[in-house]
Protein backbone atom coordinates (compact mmCIF):
# COMPACT_ATOMS: atom_id res chain seq x y z
CA MET A 1 0.00 0.00 0.00
CA THR A 2 1.34 3.43 -0.88
CA ALA A 3 0.68 6.94 0.36
CA GLY A 4 -2.81 8.31 0.47
CA THR A 5 -4.72 10.34 -2.07
CA PRO A 6 -3.96 14.02 -2.72
CA SER A 7 -6.81 14.92 -0.31
CA ILE A 8 -4.55 13.83 2.54
CA PRO A 9 -2.36 16.76 3.64
CA ARG A 10 1.37 16.18 3.38
CA PRO A 11 0.94 12.84 1.54
CA GLU A 12 4.63 12.36 0.64
CA TYR A 13 6.78 9.67 2.24
CA PRO A 14 7.99 11.17 5.55
CA ARG A 15 11.34 9.36 5.98
CA PRO A 16 13.12 9.64 2.61
CA GLN A 17 16.44 8.13 3.67
CA MET A 18 14.82 4.84 4.72
CA VAL A 19 12.00 3.94 2.36
CA ARG A 20 9.76 0.88 2.43
CA SER A 21 6.82 0.25 0.13
CA ALA A 22 4.28 -0.94 2.74
CA TRP A 23 3.08 2.13 4.63
CA MET A 24 -0.08 4.11 5.36
CA ASN A 25 -0.31 7.88 5.84
CA LEU A 26 -2.56 8.75 8.80
CA ASN A 27 -2.66 12.49 8.15
CA GLY A 28 -6.05 14.08 7.64
CA GLN A 29 -9.04 14.40 9.90
CA TRP A 30 -8.78 13.19 13.51
CA GLU A 31 -11.13 13.75 16.42
CA PHE A 32 -9.69 16.32 18.82
CA GLU A 33 -10.21 17.80 22.27
CA ILE A 34 -8.42 20.45 24.33
CA ASP A 35 -7.85 19.30 27.91
CA HIS A 36 -7.46 22.61 29.76
CA GLY A 37 -7.50 20.99 33.20
CA GLN A 38 -5.04 18.25 32.18
CA SER A 39 -7.54 15.77 33.65
CA GLY A 40 -8.09 13.62 30.56
CA LYS A 41 -6.14 10.63 31.84
CA GLN A 42 -8.16 10.61 35.05
CA ARG A 43 -11.32 10.86 32.95
CA ARG A 44 -9.97 7.96 30.84
CA LEU A 45 -10.19 9.80 27.55
CA PHE A 46 -7.96 7.07 26.13
CA GLU A 47 -11.09 4.91 26.15
CA ALA A 48 -13.41 7.60 24.74
CA ALA A 49 -15.85 6.62 22.00
CA ALA A 50 -15.49 10.13 20.52
CA LEU A 51 -13.85 13.49 21.14
CA ARG A 52 -15.54 16.90 20.88
CA ASP A 53 -13.91 18.48 17.84
CA LYS A 54 -12.17 17.71 14.55
CA ILE A 55 -8.61 18.62 13.56
CA THR A 56 -6.54 18.24 10.41
CA VAL A 57 -3.29 16.43 11.20
CA PRO A 58 -0.33 17.12 10.95
CA PHE A 59 -1.06 20.80 11.59
CA CYS A 60 -0.92 22.05 15.18
CA PRO A 61 -4.16 23.35 16.75
CA GLU A 62 -2.75 26.91 16.84
CA SER A 63 -2.59 26.96 13.03
CA GLU A 64 -5.29 27.89 10.55
CA LEU A 65 -4.62 24.75 8.49
CA SER A 66 -5.59 22.59 11.45
CA GLY A 67 -9.14 23.95 11.41
CA ILE A 68 -8.85 24.89 15.11
CA GLY A 69 -6.84 28.13 15.27
CA ASN A 70 -6.70 28.33 19.08
CA LYS A 71 -3.64 30.40 20.00
CA ASP A 72 -4.02 30.31 23.78
CA PHE A 73 -1.98 28.02 26.04
CA MET A 74 -3.14 24.40 25.95
CA GLN A 75 -1.86 22.25 28.81
CA ALA A 76 -2.92 19.03 27.09
CA VAL A 77 -4.60 18.00 23.85
CA TRP A 78 -6.13 14.69 22.76
CA TYR A 79 -6.45 13.05 19.33
CA ARG A 80 -8.50 10.06 18.23
CA LYS A 81 -8.54 8.18 14.89
CA GLU A 82 -10.07 4.92 13.74
CA VAL A 83 -7.74 2.92 11.51
CA ASP A 84 -8.39 -0.12 9.34
CA ILE A 85 -5.22 -2.19 8.93
CA PRO A 86 -4.77 -3.61 5.38
CA SER A 87 -5.45 -7.35 5.23
CA ASP A 88 -2.22 -8.02 3.32
CA TRP A 89 -0.27 -6.84 6.38
CA ASP A 90 -1.31 -9.94 8.33
CA GLY A 91 1.65 -11.70 9.88
CA SER A 92 3.93 -8.65 9.81
CA ARG A 93 4.95 -6.25 12.54
CA ILE A 94 3.07 -2.94 12.51
CA LEU A 95 4.96 0.18 13.53
CA LEU A 96 3.23 3.46 14.40
CA HIS A 97 5.45 6.47 13.60
CA PHE A 98 5.26 10.11 14.70
CA GLY A 99 7.42 12.74 13.02
CA ALA A 100 7.12 15.02 16.06
CA VAL A 101 4.67 15.70 18.90
CA ASP A 102 5.16 18.67 21.22
CA TYR A 103 5.90 17.90 24.02
CA ALA A 104 5.20 14.82 26.24
CA ALA A 105 3.14 12.21 24.40
CA GLU A 106 1.38 9.01 25.36
CA VAL A 107 -0.23 6.78 22.73
CA TRP A 108 -2.98 4.21 23.21
CA VAL A 109 -4.19 1.59 20.76
CA ASN A 110 -7.61 0.11 21.52
CA GLY A 111 -7.45 1.54 25.03
CA LYS A 112 -4.05 0.05 25.87
CA SER A 113 -0.91 2.15 26.22
CA ALA A 114 1.56 1.68 23.37
CA GLY A 115 4.21 3.87 25.00
CA THR A 116 5.32 7.37 25.95
CA HIS A 117 7.78 9.86 24.51
CA ARG A 118 9.22 13.13 25.80
CA GLY A 119 10.53 15.72 23.37
CA GLY A 120 8.73 18.04 20.98
CA TYR A 121 11.23 17.85 18.10
CA SER A 122 12.43 14.26 17.70
CA SER A 123 10.74 11.42 15.84
CA PHE A 124 9.58 8.24 17.59
CA SER A 125 7.68 5.04 16.92
CA PHE A 126 6.03 2.10 18.68
CA ASP A 127 5.55 -1.52 17.68
CA ILE A 128 1.78 -1.87 18.11
CA THR A 129 1.41 -5.39 16.67
CA SER A 130 0.29 -6.99 19.94
CA LEU A 131 -2.33 -4.28 20.57
CA LEU A 132 -4.16 -4.63 17.26
CA GLU A 133 -7.53 -6.33 16.84
CA PRO A 134 -9.37 -7.60 13.74
CA GLY A 135 -11.28 -4.86 11.93
CA VAL A 136 -11.17 -1.23 13.00
CA ASN A 137 -8.55 -0.12 15.53
CA VAL A 138 -8.59 3.07 17.58
CA VAL A 139 -5.46 5.20 18.02
CA ILE A 140 -5.55 7.87 20.73
CA VAL A 141 -2.78 10.37 21.47
CA CYS A 142 -2.40 12.71 24.42
CA ALA A 143 0.19 15.51 24.25
CA GLU A 144 1.02 17.59 27.31
CA ASP A 145 2.80 20.90 26.78
CA ASP A 146 4.04 23.35 29.41
CA LEU A 147 6.69 25.55 27.83
CA ARG A 148 6.59 27.99 30.76
CA SER A 149 7.92 25.37 33.15
CA GLY A 150 11.61 25.84 32.29
CA LEU A 151 11.79 22.06 31.91
CA GLN A 152 11.39 21.76 28.16
CA PRO A 153 12.99 23.31 25.06
CA ARG A 154 10.50 25.64 23.35
CA GLY A 155 12.63 27.38 20.73
CA LYS A 156 10.98 30.50 19.35
CA GLN A 157 7.52 29.61 20.70
CA SER A 158 6.25 32.53 22.77
CA GLY A 159 6.19 32.12 26.55
CA LEU A 160 3.68 34.97 26.74
CA TYR A 161 0.07 34.80 25.63
CA HIS A 162 0.84 36.71 22.46
CA SER A 163 3.58 36.55 19.85
CA HIS A 164 6.16 39.27 20.53
CA GLY A 165 9.66 40.38 19.46
CA CYS A 166 11.51 37.33 18.16
CA ASP A 167 9.14 34.83 19.80
CA TYR A 168 6.21 33.59 17.77
CA THR A 169 3.00 31.55 17.83
CA ARG A 170 3.25 28.30 19.78
CA THR A 171 2.92 24.72 18.52
CA THR A 172 1.16 22.12 20.66
CA GLY A 173 0.70 18.42 19.96
CA ILE A 174 1.15 16.65 16.62
CA TRP A 175 2.98 18.76 14.03
CA GLN A 176 4.56 16.23 11.68
CA THR A 177 3.23 13.27 9.73
CA VAL A 178 1.74 10.27 11.54
CA TRP A 179 2.06 6.98 9.68
CA LEU A 180 1.90 3.22 9.89
CA GLU A 181 4.51 0.89 8.47
CA SER A 182 4.41 -2.85 7.84
CA VAL A 183 7.73 -4.60 8.45
CA PRO A 184 8.72 -8.28 8.55
CA ARG A 185 9.26 -10.11 11.83
CA GLN A 186 13.00 -9.78 11.15
CA TYR A 187 13.78 -6.29 9.94
CA ILE A 188 16.21 -3.39 9.63
CA ARG A 189 15.46 -0.93 12.43
CA SER A 190 17.99 1.80 11.59
CA PHE A 191 21.39 2.38 10.05
CA LYS A 192 24.25 4.83 10.18
CA LEU A 193 26.01 5.85 6.95
CA THR A 194 29.49 7.36 7.17
CA PRO A 195 30.97 8.38 3.80
CA ASP A 196 34.75 8.16 3.48
CA ALA A 197 35.68 10.35 0.52
CA GLU A 198 39.43 9.95 1.01
CA ASN A 199 39.18 6.18 0.67
CA ASP A 200 36.24 6.01 -1.79
CA CYS A 201 34.03 3.92 0.43
CA LEU A 202 30.96 3.95 2.66
CA HIS A 203 30.97 2.65 6.23
CA ILE A 204 27.63 1.20 7.39
CA GLU A 205 26.41 0.34 10.88
CA GLY A 206 23.03 -1.38 11.01
CA GLU A 207 20.66 -2.00 13.90
CA LEU A 208 18.47 -5.05 13.31
CA VAL A 209 15.54 -6.78 14.99
CA GLY A 210 15.42 -10.58 15.27
CA ALA A 211 18.13 -10.97 12.61
CA ASP A 212 20.95 -12.78 14.42
CA GLY A 213 22.71 -15.04 11.93
CA LEU A 214 21.02 -13.53 8.85
CA THR A 215 22.98 -11.85 6.07
CA PHE A 216 22.93 -8.08 5.69
CA THR A 217 23.63 -6.85 2.16
CA ALA A 218 24.32 -3.36 0.82
CA GLU A 219 24.41 -2.35 -2.84
CA ALA A 220 25.38 1.14 -4.01
CA GLN A 221 24.47 2.53 -7.43
CA PHE A 222 25.19 5.75 -9.31
CA ASN A 223 22.94 6.64 -12.25
CA GLY A 224 21.75 3.03 -12.35
CA ARG A 225 25.25 1.50 -12.40
CA ILE A 226 26.29 -0.76 -9.54
CA THR A 227 29.30 0.90 -7.93
CA GLY A 228 29.83 -1.32 -4.92
CA SER A 229 28.31 -4.06 -2.77
CA HIS A 230 29.09 -6.02 0.35
CA SER A 231 27.49 -8.60 2.64
CA ALA A 232 28.06 -9.49 6.29
CA VAL A 233 26.53 -11.89 8.78
CA VAL A 234 24.53 -10.22 11.55
CA SER A 235 25.84 -10.77 15.06
CA GLY A 236 23.18 -10.18 17.68
CA SER A 237 21.30 -7.03 16.74
CA GLN A 238 24.09 -5.16 14.95
CA VAL A 239 26.19 -5.31 11.82
CA ARG A 240 29.13 -3.27 10.53
CA MET A 241 30.61 -3.25 7.06
CA THR A 242 32.43 -1.16 4.48
CA VAL A 243 31.32 -0.85 0.85
CA ASN A 244 34.17 0.05 -1.50
CA LEU A 245 33.09 2.26 -4.41
CA SER A 246 34.35 1.70 -7.96
CA GLU A 247 33.36 5.22 -9.07
CA ARG A 248 34.09 8.48 -7.25
CA HIS A 249 31.35 11.12 -7.40
CA LEU A 250 31.61 13.78 -4.73
CA TRP A 251 28.64 15.54 -3.13
CA GLU A 252 29.54 19.21 -3.49
CA VAL A 253 27.82 22.41 -2.42
CA GLY A 254 25.57 23.34 -5.34
CA SER A 255 26.49 20.12 -7.17
CA PRO A 256 24.91 17.31 -5.17
CA LYS A 257 25.91 13.99 -6.69
CA LEU A 258 24.08 11.25 -4.79
CA TYR A 259 24.41 7.46 -4.79
CA ASP A 260 21.39 5.21 -4.42
CA LEU A 261 21.66 2.53 -1.74
CA THR A 262 19.68 -0.69 -1.25
CA LEU A 263 19.96 -2.47 2.09
CA SER A 264 18.47 -5.91 2.63
CA LEU A 265 18.32 -8.86 4.99
CA GLN A 266 18.76 -12.32 3.48
CA SER A 267 17.94 -15.74 4.92
CA GLY A 268 18.83 -18.87 2.97
CA GLY A 269 19.03 -16.90 -0.26
CA ASN A 270 15.59 -15.30 0.26
CA THR A 271 15.08 -11.60 0.89
CA VAL A 272 13.48 -10.96 4.28
CA ASP A 273 13.52 -7.14 4.37
CA THR A 274 14.55 -4.35 1.98
CA VAL A 275 14.88 -0.59 2.37
CA GLU A 276 15.90 2.03 -0.18
CA SER A 277 18.20 4.89 0.74
CA TYR A 278 20.85 7.23 -0.67
CA PHE A 279 24.10 8.85 0.43
CA GLY A 280 26.55 11.55 -0.57
CA LEU A 281 30.29 10.98 -0.72
CA ARG A 282 31.85 14.01 0.96
CA SER A 283 34.08 14.98 3.86
CA VAL A 284 33.92 17.84 6.37
CA LYS A 285 37.06 18.99 8.17
CA TRP A 286 38.12 22.14 10.00
CA ASP A 287 41.53 23.67 10.61
CA ASN A 288 42.69 26.88 12.28
CA HIS A 289 41.02 29.16 9.72
CA ALA A 290 38.60 27.28 7.50
CA ILE A 291 35.87 24.68 7.26
CA LEU A 292 36.78 22.30 4.45
CA ILE A 293 34.33 20.33 2.31
CA ASN A 294 36.07 17.62 0.30
CA GLY A 295 39.40 19.17 1.25
CA LYS A 296 38.58 22.66 -0.06
CA PRO A 297 37.64 25.73 1.99
CA VAL A 298 34.05 26.63 1.21
CA PHE A 299 32.97 29.98 2.65
CA GLN A 300 29.61 29.21 4.20
CA ARG A 301 27.22 31.92 3.01
CA LEU A 302 24.37 30.99 5.33
CA VAL A 303 21.03 32.53 6.12
CA LEU A 304 18.99 32.13 9.30
CA ASP A 305 15.91 29.98 8.67
CA GLN A 306 13.35 29.84 11.49
CA GLY A 307 11.07 27.24 9.89
CA PHE A 308 7.75 29.08 10.42
CA TYR A 309 4.80 29.36 8.02
CA PRO A 310 1.84 31.78 8.12
CA ASP A 311 -0.79 29.06 7.79
CA GLY A 312 0.95 26.00 9.29
CA ILE A 313 3.16 27.63 12.00
CA TYR A 314 5.81 24.90 12.55
CA THR A 315 4.48 22.72 9.71
CA ALA A 316 5.03 23.53 6.05
CA PRO A 317 1.75 23.46 4.11
CA SER A 318 3.31 21.21 1.47
CA ASP A 319 6.47 19.38 0.54
CA GLU A 320 6.91 21.89 -2.27
CA ALA A 321 7.00 24.70 0.32
CA LEU A 322 9.98 23.03 2.00
CA ARG A 323 11.84 22.82 -1.29
CA ARG A 324 10.85 26.33 -2.30
CA ASP A 325 12.40 27.87 0.82
CA ILE A 326 15.74 26.37 -0.17
CA GLU A 327 15.38 27.48 -3.78
CA LEU A 328 14.53 31.04 -2.70
CA SER A 329 17.61 31.13 -0.49
CA MET A 330 19.83 29.86 -3.30
CA GLU A 331 18.37 32.45 -5.68
CA LEU A 332 19.68 35.09 -3.25
CA GLY A 333 23.18 33.62 -3.41
CA PHE A 334 23.21 31.73 -0.10
CA ASN A 335 24.66 28.22 -0.10
CA GLY A 336 23.09 27.05 3.14
CA ALA A 337 21.27 27.86 6.36
CA ARG A 338 21.37 27.74 10.11
CA LEU A 339 18.19 25.83 10.97
CA HIS A 340 17.46 28.05 13.91
CA GLU A 341 15.96 27.14 17.31
CA LYS A 342 14.01 24.30 15.74
CA VAL A 343 14.66 20.76 14.52
CA PHE A 344 13.42 20.70 10.94
CA GLU A 345 11.56 17.71 9.55
CA ALA A 346 13.38 15.00 7.61
CA ARG A 347 11.84 16.14 4.30
CA PHE A 348 13.62 19.49 4.56
CA LEU A 349 16.97 17.73 4.93
CA TYR A 350 16.05 15.53 1.98
CA TRP A 351 15.63 18.58 -0.25
CA ALA A 352 18.86 20.08 1.10
CA ASP A 353 20.62 16.82 0.14
CA GLN A 354 19.03 16.87 -3.31
CA LEU A 355 19.82 20.54 -4.00
CA GLY A 356 23.35 20.72 -2.56
CA TYR A 357 22.42 23.12 0.24
CA ILE A 358 24.43 22.92 3.45
CA VAL A 359 22.76 23.20 6.87
CA TRP A 360 23.62 23.28 10.55
CA GLY A 361 21.44 21.23 12.89
CA GLU A 362 20.33 23.03 16.04
CA HIS A 363 18.02 22.24 18.93
CA ALA A 364 15.28 24.55 20.19
CA ASN A 365 16.96 25.13 23.56
CA TRP A 366 15.31 28.44 24.48
CA GLY A 367 12.96 28.00 27.40
CA LEU A 368 15.00 25.21 29.00
CA ASP A 369 16.72 26.17 32.25
CA ILE A 370 20.33 24.94 32.09
CA THR A 371 21.58 26.56 35.28
CA THR A 372 21.64 23.15 36.98
CA ALA A 373 22.36 19.57 35.95
CA GLN A 374 18.63 18.99 35.58
CA GLY A 375 18.91 20.76 32.23
CA LEU A 376 21.15 17.92 31.04
CA GLN A 377 18.54 15.37 32.10
CA GLN A 378 15.83 17.15 30.12
CA PHE A 379 17.94 17.90 27.05
CA LEU A 380 20.18 14.91 26.42
CA PRO A 381 17.69 12.11 25.54
CA GLU A 382 15.96 14.17 22.87
CA TRP A 383 19.21 15.59 21.48
CA THR A 384 20.56 12.05 21.13
CA GLU A 385 17.49 11.08 19.08
CA ILE A 386 17.93 14.16 16.89
CA VAL A 387 21.59 13.48 16.11
CA LYS A 388 20.87 9.84 15.30
CA ARG A 389 17.93 10.71 13.04
CA ASP A 390 19.79 13.26 10.92
CA TYR A 391 23.29 11.77 10.93
CA ASN A 392 23.03 10.35 7.37
CA SER A 393 22.30 13.68 5.64
CA PRO A 394 25.24 14.84 3.48
CA ALA A 395 23.87 18.39 3.56
CA LEU A 396 24.25 18.58 7.32
CA VAL A 397 27.77 19.91 8.00
CA GLY A 398 27.69 20.80 11.70
CA TRP A 399 25.83 20.59 15.00
CA CYS A 400 24.82 23.39 17.34
CA PRO A 401 22.86 22.01 20.31
CA PHE A 402 22.44 25.39 22.05
CA ASN A 403 21.91 28.99 20.93
CA GLU A 404 22.53 32.09 23.06
CA THR A 405 22.51 30.50 26.50
CA TRP A 406 21.66 33.66 28.42
CA ASN A 407 21.44 33.80 32.21
CA ASN A 408 18.05 32.84 33.57
CA GLY A 409 15.57 35.47 34.73
CA LYS A 410 17.19 35.58 38.17
CA GLY A 411 20.65 36.27 36.76
CA THR A 412 21.94 32.76 37.41
CA ARG A 413 24.55 31.62 34.89
CA GLN A 414 24.48 28.49 32.76
CA ASP A 415 25.92 25.31 34.25
CA ASN A 416 29.02 24.97 32.07
CA GLU A 417 29.08 21.22 32.65
CA VAL A 418 25.74 20.89 30.86
CA LEU A 419 27.26 22.38 27.70
CA ARG A 420 30.50 20.46 28.13
CA ASN A 421 28.69 17.13 28.49
CA ILE A 422 26.39 17.76 25.53
CA TYR A 423 29.40 18.69 23.38
CA HIS A 424 31.26 15.48 24.28
CA VAL A 425 28.21 13.25 23.81
CA THR A 426 27.61 14.83 20.40
CA LYS A 427 31.22 14.11 19.43
CA LEU A 428 30.78 10.49 20.55
CA LEU A 429 27.66 10.16 18.39
CA ASP A 430 29.24 11.97 15.43
CA ALA A 431 32.99 12.47 15.09
CA THR A 432 32.68 13.56 11.45
CA ARG A 433 31.20 17.05 11.95
CA PRO A 434 32.20 20.15 13.92
CA VAL A 435 30.15 20.99 17.00
CA ILE A 436 29.43 24.49 18.30
CA ASP A 437 28.52 24.15 21.97
CA THR A 438 26.37 27.28 22.10
CA SER A 439 26.03 29.73 19.24
CA GLY A 440 27.01 33.30 20.16
CA ASN A 441 27.41 32.87 23.91
CA PHE A 442 28.71 31.56 26.24
CA HIS A 443 31.28 29.10 24.81
CA VAL A 444 32.72 26.38 27.03
CA VAL A 445 34.22 23.90 24.55
CA THR A 446 33.66 24.32 20.81
CA ASP A 447 35.15 23.29 17.46
CA ILE A 448 34.13 26.58 15.82
CA PHE A 449 34.24 29.97 17.55
CA ASP A 450 31.21 32.02 16.61
CA VAL A 451 29.79 35.41 17.56
CA HIS A 452 26.52 37.26 17.02
CA ASP A 453 26.97 40.88 15.97
CA TYR A 454 23.99 43.10 15.14
CA GLU A 455 25.90 46.37 14.76
CA GLN A 456 24.05 48.24 12.01
CA ASN A 457 26.69 50.79 11.06
CA PRO A 458 28.97 49.15 8.45
CA GLU A 459 31.98 51.24 9.51
CA LYS A 460 31.66 50.35 13.19
CA PHE A 461 30.95 46.75 12.22
CA ALA A 462 34.18 46.66 10.17
CA GLU A 463 36.14 48.01 13.16
CA HIS A 464 35.23 44.87 15.14
CA TYR A 465 37.11 42.68 12.65
CA ALA A 466 39.83 45.05 11.44
CA ALA A 467 42.66 43.53 13.51
CA MET A 468 41.74 40.05 12.30
CA ARG A 469 42.40 40.93 8.67
CA SER A 470 46.13 40.82 9.31
CA GLY A 471 46.04 37.91 11.75
CA GLY A 472 45.57 40.06 14.86
CA GLU A 473 43.30 39.64 17.84
CA ARG A 474 39.89 38.09 17.17
CA TYR A 475 36.76 40.01 18.05
CA VAL A 476 35.26 38.32 21.12
CA THR A 477 31.92 39.26 22.62
CA PHE A 478 31.46 38.79 26.40
CA GLN A 479 35.20 38.52 27.03
CA ASP A 480 34.60 37.82 30.72
CA ARG A 481 32.67 34.66 29.82
CA GLN A 482 34.35 33.16 26.75
CA LYS A 483 37.80 32.98 25.15
CA TYR A 484 39.00 32.48 21.58
CA GLU A 485 41.35 29.48 21.35
CA GLY A 486 42.40 29.33 17.68
CA GLN A 487 39.31 27.75 16.12
CA PRO A 488 37.83 28.67 12.73
CA TYR A 489 35.85 31.90 13.17
CA PHE A 490 32.17 32.22 12.21
CA VAL A 491 29.90 35.28 12.45
CA SER A 492 26.78 33.20 12.87
CA GLU A 493 24.27 36.04 13.24
CA TYR A 494 24.53 39.52 11.78
CA GLY A 495 22.39 41.98 9.84
CA GLY A 496 18.78 41.64 10.88
CA ILE A 497 18.13 44.88 9.00
CA TRP A 498 14.64 46.16 9.78
CA TRP A 499 12.65 46.73 6.59
CA ASN A 500 8.87 47.07 6.47
CA PRO A 501 8.01 50.25 4.59
CA GLY A 502 4.53 49.04 3.64
CA GLN A 503 3.40 48.23 7.19
CA ALA A 504 0.93 50.68 8.70
CA ASP A 505 0.72 49.45 12.31
CA GLU A 506 3.38 49.65 15.03
CA LYS A 507 3.63 45.93 15.81
CA SER A 508 6.79 45.29 13.84
CA TRP A 509 10.15 44.39 15.38
CA GLY A 510 13.73 44.31 14.12
CA TYR A 511 17.31 45.20 15.00
CA GLY A 512 18.63 48.75 15.30
CA ASP A 513 17.57 51.73 13.25
CA ARG A 514 15.53 51.26 10.09
CA PRO A 515 16.99 52.37 6.74
CA LYS A 516 15.02 55.18 5.19
CA THR A 517 15.26 53.94 1.60
CA GLU A 518 15.79 50.71 -0.30
CA GLU A 519 19.13 52.06 -1.49
CA GLU A 520 20.21 52.61 2.11
CA PHE A 521 19.19 49.05 2.98
CA LEU A 522 21.17 47.54 0.12
CA SER A 523 24.20 49.71 0.89
CA ARG A 524 24.11 48.56 4.51
CA TYR A 525 23.71 44.92 3.48
CA GLU A 526 26.70 45.21 1.15
CA GLY A 527 28.89 46.96 3.71
CA LEU A 528 28.20 44.43 6.46
CA THR A 529 28.51 41.39 4.23
CA LEU A 530 31.68 42.38 2.37
CA THR A 531 33.36 43.02 5.72
CA LEU A 532 33.00 39.31 6.42
CA LEU A 533 33.66 37.94 2.93
CA GLU A 534 36.87 39.95 2.54
CA ASN A 535 38.37 38.88 5.87
CA PRO A 536 40.82 35.95 5.43
CA TYR A 537 40.24 34.79 9.02
CA ILE A 538 36.46 34.46 8.78
CA CYS A 539 35.15 31.20 7.27
CA ALA A 540 31.36 31.64 7.42
CA PHE A 541 28.51 34.04 8.01
CA CYS A 542 24.82 33.70 8.70
CA TYR A 543 22.54 36.61 7.81
CA THR A 544 19.39 37.24 9.87
CA GLN A 545 17.13 36.28 8.18
CA LEU A 546 15.57 34.65 5.09
CA TYR A 547 11.96 35.77 5.61
CA ASP A 548 9.89 37.78 8.08
CA VAL A 549 8.19 35.82 10.84
CA GLU A 550 5.00 37.37 12.20
CA GLN A 551 6.04 40.72 13.76
CA GLU A 552 9.77 40.25 13.12
CA VAL A 553 10.33 42.09 9.85
CA ASN A 554 14.06 41.74 9.15
CA GLY A 555 13.70 39.12 6.42
CA LEU A 556 14.91 39.44 2.86
CA LEU A 557 11.51 37.98 1.95
CA THR A 558 8.09 38.64 3.42
CA TYR A 559 6.45 36.01 5.63
CA GLU A 560 4.52 34.95 2.52
CA ARG A 561 7.88 34.37 0.77
CA LYS A 562 7.69 37.36 -1.58
CA HIS A 563 10.93 39.16 -2.50
CA LYS A 564 11.37 42.55 -0.83
CA PHE A 565 14.23 43.44 -3.17
CA ASN A 566 15.48 42.49 -6.59
CA PRO A 567 17.21 39.18 -5.76
CA ASP A 568 20.04 40.09 -8.14
CA ALA A 569 21.12 42.87 -5.76
CA ILE A 570 21.53 40.46 -2.84
CA ARG A 571 23.01 37.70 -4.97
CA ARG A 572 25.65 40.03 -6.42
CA VAL A 573 27.00 40.80 -2.95
CA ASN A 574 26.86 37.18 -1.75
CA ALA A 575 28.69 35.98 -4.87
CA THR A 576 31.79 38.02 -4.02
CA PHE A 577 34.86 35.76 -3.97
CA ALA A 578 35.69 35.28 -0.29
CA ALA A 579 39.22 35.94 0.93
CA ILE A 580 39.52 32.46 2.39
CA GLU A 581 38.53 30.96 -0.99
CA LYS A 582 40.90 33.30 -2.84
CA GLN A 583 43.81 32.12 -0.69
CA TYR A 584 43.10 28.51 -1.62
CA ALA A 585 42.74 29.33 -5.32
CA ASN A 586 46.09 31.16 -5.32
CA ALA A 587 47.78 28.26 -3.50
CA GLU A 588 46.45 25.83 -6.14
CA LYS A 589 48.10 27.77 -8.99
C-alpha cells in the first residue's frame, strides 16, 4: 500500500532516507479535544468513544490549516482516529510512527498504552502489533505541553500569551506526519552511513531486529550503475561493514551527486527485508582558519531559517514549500542555512541533500533552564534522538545544540558542565562534523568559535574585525565569559536589518535603526557582508534572516515568501569571492 490520495495533507513519504513500500499515511481528519485541566487521563479519555472536535493532522491546533486556530496556552490536547489495517499486512509487525509531537506524548491503541515519549522535536515510533484487533482499531494520542515550566525546550515559541519580538505563535501536539509501516518479523530498524571520501568507500552500521545469523547486504548505485556491494553476517542485533566504491562522485555544495543505496536482509538466499536509501560521498574537516568540504575551503554563506509558516506555523503546508524555501535562499546567493531554534523535519533535509544546500542542525533550547544539571537530564535524551535521526544527511555539515545561553531570569549563569557534556556526547555520536557548543554565547568547549553581531553601522561593524584581517586579535563578545582558542571563526548572526516600509501598524520588530530607503538598505547589506567575505580569518557568516516571521520584519523575503528586493542585488554581494577561498585558489596555482 502506498501513500494516500492528494486529499490527505502532506501525503509524501515522511522518511526519505529509509523507504519501504508498505506504509499508510494517517494524516487528515482526527477527532480532537483540548484538555485545559489536564484531567483527561483521570477521565480515561484514552477509552473515549469520541472526542468533541475535529482537527486536520499534521497541523498544530494553533494553526489555521488545522481547522482549530486556538492560539491560547493548551496544557494538554487529545487526538482520536479509527484505523483499518490492510489485510495483506497480516503476519507482519506494525509500527506506528510520529514525526514530532510537542511535548510529552502518550499513545494508546484500543485503550491500551503503546508507550510514551518526551521531546517536541524528535521522531519516535512504537511496535503496536500486539495491541491490534481484527477490523477497525482506535489510536488515541495525548500531548502535554508546558513551555513555561523551564523544563522543556521551546525554541521561538512565545512564553507569553501573544507573539512578541523574536518569539512567535506556539505549537502544541502533533505537528509532523503520523504513519503506519508494515515490516517483517526480522527487519532493519535503523542504520548509520558514514561516507569516506578519502578512501572512496561507505561505512555502514546497522541495527536489526530478530536478525541474528542472517545476512545483511548493501548495494550502491550511481545513475543506475552498480558501484559497490558487500554482505556481512549479523551478530546479535548489529552489523558493521564497508562498501568500496568503484566510481568516485563527490557531493559538493551546489552540485549534489548522490548514490542510491539498497539495504536488505537475506535468509537462505531469500530476501526478508529491503529498504531504499541514498548517500553523498563528501568529507567535512576544519583547521585553524577554514571549514573544508572535500578538502577545499568553502565559505559558508548561510542565512537564518526559522522554519515558520503563516498558515501552518511549525508545519510547512506542502512538501513543495519546504523545497521552495531552499530554492529562494539559493536564488539570493546563499549556499546554506542555520536551521534556527528548531529541529526541521526530515523532508527538509532531503531537499537540502538533493539541491546541494548545506545546513547546521540546532536544537530549540530556548525555554530550558540549564543553570543546573537537571537541564542535562531534560535535554540529552531528545538531542541524542535528533543526532541519530539526521546523521546520514550529506547536507548537514555541523551541529549546534544550544543557541545564546543567556542567564536565567534571576541572573543565574548556565551550568558549564551541561554544555561540556552535551558537546562530548555529540562528538561520541558523530565524530565527522564540527560541534558548536552554544552559538554566540557563552562558549565552554567548541570546534568553531562564533559570535553574534547586530551592529548596524557598516563602519563600526568593520572596526570589530579590522585587527583580524592581518592575523591580529579576534573580536570576542562577552570577554569575561568566553575565550578564543584558535578555532575557525564564524559570524553566525549579523544583519537583521529592519525593513517594512509598507506596514501601517506599530507591531513590527527588528534590530537597530531602520533604513530610510531601499538604497540605504542595500548599501548597509553590502557593507556588512563584504566586511565578512573579505576577511581571510572568517570562514562563514549567517545573515538574519531569510523571511519575516510574524512581527519580526528583518527578512529578505516577506512572511509569505515574496521578495522585498530584486534578488540580483543580494546575490551580487553574496557571490563576491571570499578571501579564504581566494587564498586557496592562489595556492592551487
